[in-house]
N, C-alpha and C. Protein backbone atom coordinates (compact mmCIF):
# COMPACT_ATOMS: atom_id res chain seq x y z
N UNK A 1 15.38 6.70 -11.05
CA UNK A 1 16.67 6.42 -10.51
C UNK A 1 16.83 4.93 -10.20
N UNK A 2 15.82 4.34 -9.58
CA UNK A 2 15.90 2.91 -9.26
C UNK A 2 16.01 2.10 -10.54
N UNK A 3 15.29 2.51 -11.58
CA UNK A 3 15.38 1.82 -12.86
C UNK A 3 16.80 1.84 -13.41
N UNK A 4 17.48 2.95 -13.25
CA UNK A 4 18.87 3.05 -13.69
C UNK A 4 19.78 2.11 -12.91
N UNK A 5 19.52 1.99 -11.62
CA UNK A 5 20.31 1.07 -10.80
C UNK A 5 20.15 -0.36 -11.29
N UNK A 6 18.92 -0.77 -11.52
CA UNK A 6 18.67 -2.13 -11.99
C UNK A 6 19.25 -2.37 -13.37
N UNK A 7 19.24 -1.36 -14.21
CA UNK A 7 19.74 -1.51 -15.58
C UNK A 7 21.26 -1.64 -15.64
N UNK A 8 21.96 -1.06 -14.67
CA UNK A 8 23.42 -1.05 -14.74
C UNK A 8 24.10 -1.78 -13.59
N UNK A 9 23.35 -2.46 -12.74
CA UNK A 9 23.95 -3.00 -11.53
C UNK A 9 25.03 -4.05 -11.78
N UNK A 10 25.02 -4.75 -12.89
CA UNK A 10 26.02 -5.77 -13.16
C UNK A 10 27.39 -5.20 -13.52
N UNK A 11 27.44 -3.95 -13.88
CA UNK A 11 28.70 -3.36 -14.36
C UNK A 11 29.62 -2.93 -13.21
N UNK A 12 29.09 -2.72 -12.06
CA UNK A 12 29.88 -2.20 -10.93
C UNK A 12 29.65 -3.10 -9.71
N UNK A 13 30.71 -3.73 -9.18
CA UNK A 13 30.56 -4.65 -8.06
C UNK A 13 29.86 -4.05 -6.84
N UNK A 14 30.18 -2.82 -6.47
CA UNK A 14 29.53 -2.21 -5.31
C UNK A 14 28.05 -1.96 -5.57
N UNK A 15 27.73 -1.62 -6.78
CA UNK A 15 26.34 -1.41 -7.16
C UNK A 15 25.59 -2.73 -7.13
N UNK A 16 26.24 -3.78 -7.60
CA UNK A 16 25.64 -5.12 -7.56
C UNK A 16 25.30 -5.50 -6.13
N UNK A 17 26.21 -5.25 -5.21
CA UNK A 17 25.98 -5.55 -3.80
C UNK A 17 24.83 -4.72 -3.23
N UNK A 18 24.77 -3.46 -3.59
CA UNK A 18 23.72 -2.58 -3.08
C UNK A 18 22.35 -3.01 -3.59
N UNK A 19 22.26 -3.36 -4.86
CA UNK A 19 20.99 -3.81 -5.43
C UNK A 19 20.57 -5.13 -4.79
N UNK A 20 21.52 -6.05 -4.61
CA UNK A 20 21.21 -7.34 -3.98
C UNK A 20 20.71 -7.14 -2.55
N UNK A 21 21.33 -6.21 -1.84
CA UNK A 21 20.90 -5.92 -0.46
C UNK A 21 19.50 -5.31 -0.46
N UNK A 22 19.23 -4.42 -1.38
CA UNK A 22 17.89 -3.84 -1.48
C UNK A 22 16.83 -4.89 -1.78
N UNK A 23 17.15 -5.82 -2.66
CA UNK A 23 16.21 -6.90 -2.98
C UNK A 23 16.00 -7.81 -1.78
N UNK A 24 17.06 -8.10 -1.03
CA UNK A 24 16.93 -8.93 0.17
C UNK A 24 16.02 -8.23 1.19
N UNK A 25 16.22 -6.96 1.37
CA UNK A 25 15.38 -6.21 2.32
C UNK A 25 13.93 -6.16 1.86
N UNK A 26 13.73 -6.05 0.57
CA UNK A 26 12.37 -6.06 0.01
C UNK A 26 11.68 -7.38 0.35
N UNK A 27 12.38 -8.50 0.11
CA UNK A 27 11.81 -9.82 0.43
C UNK A 27 11.57 -9.98 1.92
N UNK A 28 12.51 -9.50 2.73
CA UNK A 28 12.32 -9.56 4.19
C UNK A 28 11.11 -8.75 4.62
N UNK A 29 10.93 -7.60 4.02
CA UNK A 29 9.76 -6.78 4.34
C UNK A 29 8.46 -7.48 4.00
N UNK A 30 8.44 -8.18 2.87
CA UNK A 30 7.25 -8.94 2.48
C UNK A 30 6.99 -10.05 3.49
N UNK A 31 8.06 -10.74 3.90
CA UNK A 31 7.90 -11.83 4.87
C UNK A 31 7.39 -11.31 6.21
N UNK A 32 7.95 -10.21 6.69
CA UNK A 32 7.52 -9.62 7.95
C UNK A 32 6.05 -9.21 7.87
N UNK A 33 5.66 -8.62 6.76
CA UNK A 33 4.27 -8.20 6.56
C UNK A 33 3.33 -9.40 6.58
N UNK A 34 3.68 -10.45 5.85
CA UNK A 34 2.85 -11.65 5.80
C UNK A 34 2.78 -12.32 7.17
N UNK A 35 3.89 -12.38 7.87
CA UNK A 35 3.88 -12.96 9.22
C UNK A 35 2.92 -12.21 10.13
N UNK A 36 2.90 -10.90 10.04
CA UNK A 36 2.01 -10.10 10.88
C UNK A 36 0.54 -10.31 10.49
N UNK A 37 0.28 -10.36 9.21
CA UNK A 37 -1.09 -10.63 8.74
C UNK A 37 -1.55 -11.98 9.28
N UNK A 38 -0.68 -13.00 9.20
CA UNK A 38 -1.03 -14.33 9.68
C UNK A 38 -1.25 -14.33 11.20
N UNK A 39 -0.40 -13.64 11.94
CA UNK A 39 -0.56 -13.56 13.39
C UNK A 39 -1.89 -12.94 13.79
N UNK A 40 -2.37 -12.02 12.97
CA UNK A 40 -3.65 -11.36 13.25
C UNK A 40 -4.85 -12.15 12.72
N UNK A 41 -4.58 -13.31 12.10
CA UNK A 41 -5.66 -14.14 11.59
C UNK A 41 -6.21 -13.68 10.26
N UNK A 42 -5.46 -12.87 9.54
CA UNK A 42 -5.98 -12.32 8.30
C UNK A 42 -5.56 -13.03 7.03
N UNK A 43 -4.64 -14.00 7.12
CA UNK A 43 -4.18 -14.70 5.92
C UNK A 43 -5.16 -15.80 5.54
N UNK A 44 -5.50 -15.87 4.28
CA UNK A 44 -6.41 -16.91 3.79
C UNK A 44 -5.88 -18.29 4.17
N UNK A 45 -6.77 -19.21 4.49
CA UNK A 45 -6.38 -20.56 4.91
C UNK A 45 -5.75 -21.35 3.77
N UNK A 46 -6.12 -21.03 2.54
CA UNK A 46 -5.61 -21.79 1.40
C UNK A 46 -4.32 -21.21 0.81
N UNK A 47 -3.71 -20.28 1.52
CA UNK A 47 -2.46 -19.66 1.08
C UNK A 47 -1.43 -19.83 2.19
N UNK A 48 -0.29 -20.43 1.85
CA UNK A 48 0.78 -20.56 2.84
C UNK A 48 1.51 -19.24 3.01
N UNK A 49 2.24 -19.13 4.09
CA UNK A 49 3.04 -17.92 4.31
C UNK A 49 4.07 -17.76 3.19
N UNK A 50 4.67 -18.86 2.78
CA UNK A 50 5.67 -18.79 1.70
C UNK A 50 5.04 -18.31 0.40
N UNK A 51 3.86 -18.81 0.07
CA UNK A 51 3.17 -18.38 -1.14
C UNK A 51 2.82 -16.90 -1.06
N UNK A 52 2.30 -16.49 0.08
CA UNK A 52 1.90 -15.09 0.27
C UNK A 52 3.10 -14.17 0.19
N UNK A 53 4.21 -14.58 0.79
CA UNK A 53 5.43 -13.78 0.75
C UNK A 53 5.93 -13.64 -0.68
N UNK A 54 5.93 -14.73 -1.43
CA UNK A 54 6.38 -14.68 -2.82
C UNK A 54 5.50 -13.78 -3.67
N UNK A 55 4.20 -13.90 -3.49
CA UNK A 55 3.28 -13.07 -4.28
C UNK A 55 3.43 -11.60 -3.92
N UNK A 56 3.47 -11.30 -2.64
CA UNK A 56 3.59 -9.90 -2.21
C UNK A 56 4.91 -9.30 -2.69
N UNK A 57 5.98 -10.05 -2.55
CA UNK A 57 7.29 -9.56 -2.98
C UNK A 57 7.32 -9.33 -4.49
N UNK A 58 6.81 -10.28 -5.25
CA UNK A 58 6.82 -10.14 -6.71
C UNK A 58 5.92 -9.00 -7.18
N UNK A 59 4.72 -8.92 -6.61
CA UNK A 59 3.76 -7.91 -7.06
C UNK A 59 4.22 -6.49 -6.75
N UNK A 60 4.98 -6.33 -5.68
CA UNK A 60 5.39 -4.99 -5.28
C UNK A 60 6.83 -4.66 -5.66
N UNK A 61 7.45 -5.53 -6.43
CA UNK A 61 8.81 -5.28 -6.90
C UNK A 61 8.81 -4.17 -7.95
N UNK A 62 9.95 -3.56 -8.10
CA UNK A 62 10.10 -2.44 -9.05
C UNK A 62 9.64 -2.81 -10.46
N UNK A 63 10.02 -4.00 -10.93
CA UNK A 63 9.64 -4.41 -12.29
C UNK A 63 8.13 -4.51 -12.46
N UNK A 64 7.44 -4.97 -11.43
CA UNK A 64 5.99 -5.07 -11.50
C UNK A 64 5.32 -3.71 -11.64
N UNK A 65 5.79 -2.76 -10.83
CA UNK A 65 5.26 -1.40 -10.92
C UNK A 65 5.54 -0.80 -12.30
N UNK A 66 6.75 -1.01 -12.79
CA UNK A 66 7.11 -0.46 -14.09
C UNK A 66 6.25 -1.05 -15.20
N UNK A 67 5.96 -2.33 -15.11
CA UNK A 67 5.10 -2.96 -16.12
C UNK A 67 3.70 -2.35 -16.09
N UNK A 68 3.15 -2.16 -14.91
CA UNK A 68 1.80 -1.58 -14.83
C UNK A 68 1.76 -0.14 -15.33
N UNK A 69 2.76 0.64 -14.97
CA UNK A 69 2.75 2.06 -15.34
C UNK A 69 3.23 2.28 -16.77
N UNK A 70 4.40 1.76 -17.09
CA UNK A 70 4.96 2.00 -18.43
C UNK A 70 4.39 1.03 -19.46
N UNK A 71 4.31 -0.23 -19.12
CA UNK A 71 3.86 -1.24 -20.08
C UNK A 71 2.37 -1.24 -20.32
N UNK A 72 1.60 -1.03 -19.26
CA UNK A 72 0.14 -1.10 -19.39
C UNK A 72 -0.53 0.27 -19.38
N UNK A 73 0.23 1.31 -19.13
CA UNK A 73 -0.30 2.67 -19.22
C UNK A 73 -1.14 3.12 -18.04
N UNK A 74 -1.05 2.42 -16.90
CA UNK A 74 -1.79 2.87 -15.73
C UNK A 74 -1.08 4.04 -15.07
N UNK A 75 -1.83 4.89 -14.42
CA UNK A 75 -1.21 5.93 -13.61
C UNK A 75 -0.67 5.25 -12.35
N UNK A 76 0.22 5.92 -11.64
CA UNK A 76 0.75 5.36 -10.40
C UNK A 76 -0.39 5.11 -9.41
N UNK A 77 -1.34 6.03 -9.34
CA UNK A 77 -2.48 5.87 -8.42
C UNK A 77 -3.35 4.68 -8.80
N UNK A 78 -3.61 4.53 -10.10
CA UNK A 78 -4.42 3.40 -10.55
C UNK A 78 -3.70 2.07 -10.32
N UNK A 79 -2.39 2.05 -10.54
CA UNK A 79 -1.61 0.84 -10.30
C UNK A 79 -1.66 0.47 -8.82
N UNK A 80 -1.54 1.47 -7.97
CA UNK A 80 -1.60 1.23 -6.52
C UNK A 80 -2.97 0.66 -6.13
N UNK A 81 -4.02 1.27 -6.62
CA UNK A 81 -5.37 0.81 -6.28
C UNK A 81 -5.61 -0.61 -6.78
N UNK A 82 -5.17 -0.89 -8.00
CA UNK A 82 -5.37 -2.22 -8.58
C UNK A 82 -4.58 -3.27 -7.79
N UNK A 83 -3.32 -2.97 -7.48
CA UNK A 83 -2.51 -3.91 -6.70
C UNK A 83 -3.09 -4.14 -5.32
N UNK A 84 -3.55 -3.10 -4.67
CA UNK A 84 -4.15 -3.23 -3.35
C UNK A 84 -5.34 -4.18 -3.40
N UNK A 85 -6.22 -3.98 -4.36
CA UNK A 85 -7.41 -4.83 -4.49
C UNK A 85 -7.03 -6.27 -4.83
N UNK A 86 -6.14 -6.44 -5.79
CA UNK A 86 -5.74 -7.78 -6.22
C UNK A 86 -5.05 -8.54 -5.10
N UNK A 87 -4.14 -7.88 -4.39
CA UNK A 87 -3.44 -8.56 -3.30
C UNK A 87 -4.37 -8.87 -2.13
N UNK A 88 -5.27 -7.97 -1.84
CA UNK A 88 -6.24 -8.23 -0.76
C UNK A 88 -7.09 -9.46 -1.10
N UNK A 89 -7.56 -9.54 -2.33
CA UNK A 89 -8.36 -10.71 -2.74
C UNK A 89 -7.55 -12.00 -2.69
N UNK A 90 -6.30 -11.92 -3.07
CA UNK A 90 -5.46 -13.12 -3.14
C UNK A 90 -4.98 -13.60 -1.78
N UNK A 91 -4.77 -12.67 -0.85
CA UNK A 91 -4.10 -13.02 0.40
C UNK A 91 -4.94 -12.96 1.66
N UNK A 92 -5.91 -12.09 1.70
CA UNK A 92 -6.62 -11.83 2.94
C UNK A 92 -7.92 -12.61 3.06
N UNK A 93 -8.25 -12.97 4.29
CA UNK A 93 -9.53 -13.60 4.57
C UNK A 93 -10.63 -12.64 4.12
N UNK A 94 -11.59 -13.13 3.36
CA UNK A 94 -12.66 -12.23 2.91
C UNK A 94 -13.40 -11.63 4.10
N UNK A 95 -13.73 -10.36 3.98
CA UNK A 95 -14.48 -9.68 5.02
C UNK A 95 -15.91 -10.19 5.00
N UNK A 96 -16.45 -10.46 6.17
CA UNK A 96 -17.82 -10.95 6.27
C UNK A 96 -18.71 -9.78 6.68
N UNK A 97 -19.75 -9.58 5.92
CA UNK A 97 -20.73 -8.53 6.23
C UNK A 97 -21.62 -9.06 7.35
N UNK A 98 -21.68 -8.35 8.47
CA UNK A 98 -22.46 -8.80 9.62
C UNK A 98 -23.92 -8.99 9.24
N UNK A 99 -24.44 -8.20 8.34
CA UNK A 99 -25.84 -8.34 7.94
C UNK A 99 -26.08 -9.67 7.22
N UNK A 100 -25.08 -10.17 6.49
CA UNK A 100 -25.22 -11.46 5.80
C UNK A 100 -25.41 -12.60 6.78
N UNK A 101 -24.79 -12.56 7.95
CA UNK A 101 -24.89 -13.66 8.89
C UNK A 101 -26.29 -13.76 9.49
N UNK A 102 -27.05 -12.70 9.47
CA UNK A 102 -28.41 -12.72 10.01
C UNK A 102 -29.42 -13.22 8.98
N UNK A 103 -29.04 -13.30 7.73
CA UNK A 103 -29.95 -13.73 6.67
C UNK A 103 -30.08 -15.24 6.59
N UNK A 104 -29.14 -15.96 7.15
CA UNK A 104 -29.17 -17.44 7.04
C UNK A 104 -30.18 -18.07 7.95
C-alpha cells in the first residue's frame, strides 16, 4: 500500500501533502532517535548528529527496504537483521568487552 502511495502521490494534491507529511515525520523520528542515542553517550565520536540522522533516515526509508527485499531478494527478517547490524556498526560506539580491558 505504501508503495502505491509513493508511486502515485504526484497525481493528487492531497496525496502529495500526505506523503510529504509522512516523510517529514520519518525524518523527525530519525532525528529524535539520534538525539537520544547521543544523550546516552552511544553515538560514535566520528559521526555528527546530522550525519547519523541522514543515514538512519535514508537506510530505514521505504525505498531502502524495497531495494533490499525486492531488488536484492532478502526476506523482511534478513533485511531487518542486516540493517540493524550495519546501522549499529556505523552509528554506535563499539561495545567494549570487559574481559579485553583486563588483558592489557
